[in-house]
Amino acid sequence: MQNRKDVNKYRKISLLNVWWKMLEKVFINRINHQTFSKDYSNKNQYGFIPQTRTIDAISAVKECVQEGFAKGEITVTISLGVEGEFYSSCVPTVLKKFKRKRLPTKLI
């Protein structure tokens, strides 16, 4: 016969009742049906939508950017994160090199 202390070493497992799982599935299916049949969802929504993948979202962004470039609505802005590099290097030396290269003062 097992000792009561040995029984307390085991953790209890709690699983949802099968009926609750079935009810949850019914609710999810009903909500999805209402959302998609009445067109409540946004066409740009890709997360949590059946039959959509990450590549679909990436393709949509790519198409949008290409159209913007073609229409001249999008310009390119380049930003460099160099904060860590300045802290790990000698700032006066870096500034001298920038001035020697004749970089615009605004950039320095």
Protein backbone atom coordinates (compact mmCIF):
# COMPACT_ATOMS: atom_id res chain seq x y z
CA MET A 1 0.00 0.00 0.00
CA GLN A 2 1.25 3.47 -0.90
CA ASN A 3 2.10 6.01 1.69
CA ARG A 4 0.11 9.28 1.61
CA LYS A 5 3.33 11.29 1.23
CA ASP A 6 4.16 9.41 -1.99
CA VAL A 7 0.77 10.32 -3.48
CA ASN A 8 1.40 14.04 -2.83
CA LYS A 9 4.51 13.95 -5.03
CA TYR A 10 2.42 13.68 -8.18
CA ARG A 11 0.82 16.68 -9.80
CA LYS A 12 -2.81 16.57 -10.79
CA ILE A 13 -3.67 16.78 -14.47
CA SER A 14 -6.58 18.97 -15.39
CA LEU A 15 -8.08 18.49 -18.83
CA LEU A 16 -11.08 20.27 -20.22
CA ASN A 17 -14.18 18.21 -20.44
CA VAL A 18 -14.91 16.89 -23.93
CA TRP A 19 -18.27 18.70 -23.92
CA TRP A 20 -16.56 22.05 -23.27
CA LYS A 21 -14.13 21.42 -26.12
CA MET A 22 -17.02 20.68 -28.47
CA LEU A 23 -18.89 23.80 -27.32
CA GLU A 24 -15.78 25.92 -27.84
CA LYS A 25 -15.45 24.59 -31.39
CA VAL A 26 -19.11 25.43 -32.10
CA PHE A 27 -18.62 28.99 -30.80
CA ILE A 28 -15.46 29.50 -32.86
CA ASN A 29 -17.12 28.18 -36.01
CA ARG A 30 -20.17 30.40 -35.47
CA ILE A 31 -18.09 33.53 -34.84
CA ASN A 32 -15.96 32.82 -37.92
CA HIS A 33 -19.07 32.27 -40.03
CA GLN A 34 -20.59 35.59 -38.94
CA THR A 35 -17.33 37.45 -39.40
CA PHE A 36 -16.55 36.19 -42.89
CA SER A 37 -20.07 35.88 -44.33
CA LYS A 38 -20.97 39.47 -43.42
CA ASP A 39 -17.55 40.77 -44.47
CA TYR A 40 -16.75 42.21 -41.04
CA SER A 41 -13.07 41.37 -41.37
CA ASN A 42 -10.52 43.80 -42.77
CA LYS A 43 -8.95 42.76 -46.07
CA ASN A 44 -5.54 43.64 -44.61
CA GLN A 45 -5.96 41.24 -41.69
CA TYR A 46 -3.73 38.19 -42.06
CA GLY A 47 -3.31 36.93 -38.51
CA PHE A 48 -5.81 34.37 -37.19
CA ILE A 49 -7.50 34.10 -40.59
CA PRO A 50 -7.88 30.60 -42.07
CA GLN A 51 -5.85 29.88 -45.21
CA THR A 52 -3.60 32.92 -44.80
CA ARG A 53 0.14 32.80 -44.32
CA THR A 54 2.92 35.20 -43.44
CA ILE A 55 3.98 35.24 -47.08
CA ASP A 56 0.53 36.64 -48.00
CA ALA A 57 1.11 39.64 -45.73
CA ILE A 58 4.64 40.16 -47.07
CA SER A 59 3.37 40.01 -50.67
CA ALA A 60 0.69 42.61 -49.90
CA VAL A 61 3.27 44.99 -48.43
CA LYS A 62 5.58 44.44 -51.40
CA GLU A 63 2.79 45.23 -53.88
CA CYS A 64 1.79 48.35 -51.93
CA VAL A 65 5.38 49.64 -51.89
CA GLN A 66 5.88 48.91 -55.60
CA GLU A 67 2.68 50.79 -56.47
CA GLY A 68 3.79 53.71 -54.29
CA PHE A 69 7.17 53.88 -56.02
CA ALA A 70 5.53 53.74 -59.44
CA LYS A 71 3.18 56.62 -58.54
CA GLY A 72 5.95 58.62 -56.87
CA GLU A 73 4.11 58.55 -53.55
CA ILE A 74 6.90 56.78 -51.68
CA THR A 75 10.40 58.10 -51.15
CA VAL A 76 13.28 56.25 -49.58
CA THR A 77 14.57 57.29 -46.18
CA ILE A 78 17.57 55.48 -44.78
CA SER A 79 18.21 55.48 -41.07
CA LEU A 80 21.23 53.91 -39.44
CA GLY A 81 21.34 52.89 -35.81
CA VAL A 82 24.89 53.65 -34.78
CA GLU A 83 24.36 54.68 -31.17
CA GLY A 84 26.14 51.61 -29.79
CA GLU A 85 29.11 52.11 -32.10
CA PHE A 86 29.68 55.65 -30.77
CA TYR A 87 29.65 54.45 -27.18
CA SER A 88 32.16 51.71 -27.93
CA SER A 89 34.53 53.99 -29.89
CA CYS A 90 36.37 57.18 -29.18
CA VAL A 91 33.92 59.95 -30.12
CA PRO A 92 36.49 62.73 -30.84
CA THR A 93 38.35 60.43 -33.24
CA VAL A 94 35.15 59.48 -35.05
CA LEU A 95 34.11 63.15 -35.36
CA LYS A 96 37.54 64.08 -36.80
CA LYS A 97 37.21 61.33 -39.40
CA PHE A 98 33.73 62.55 -40.32
CA LYS A 99 35.02 66.10 -40.77
CA ARG A 100 37.97 64.85 -42.80
CA LYS A 101 35.54 63.04 -45.11
CA ARG A 102 33.63 66.34 -45.41
CA LEU A 103 30.33 64.91 -44.31
CA PRO A 104 27.55 67.49 -43.98
CA THR A 105 27.39 69.11 -40.55
CA LYS A 106 23.75 68.09 -40.32
CA LEU A 107 24.79 64.45 -40.62
CA ILE A 108 27.60 64.78 -38.08
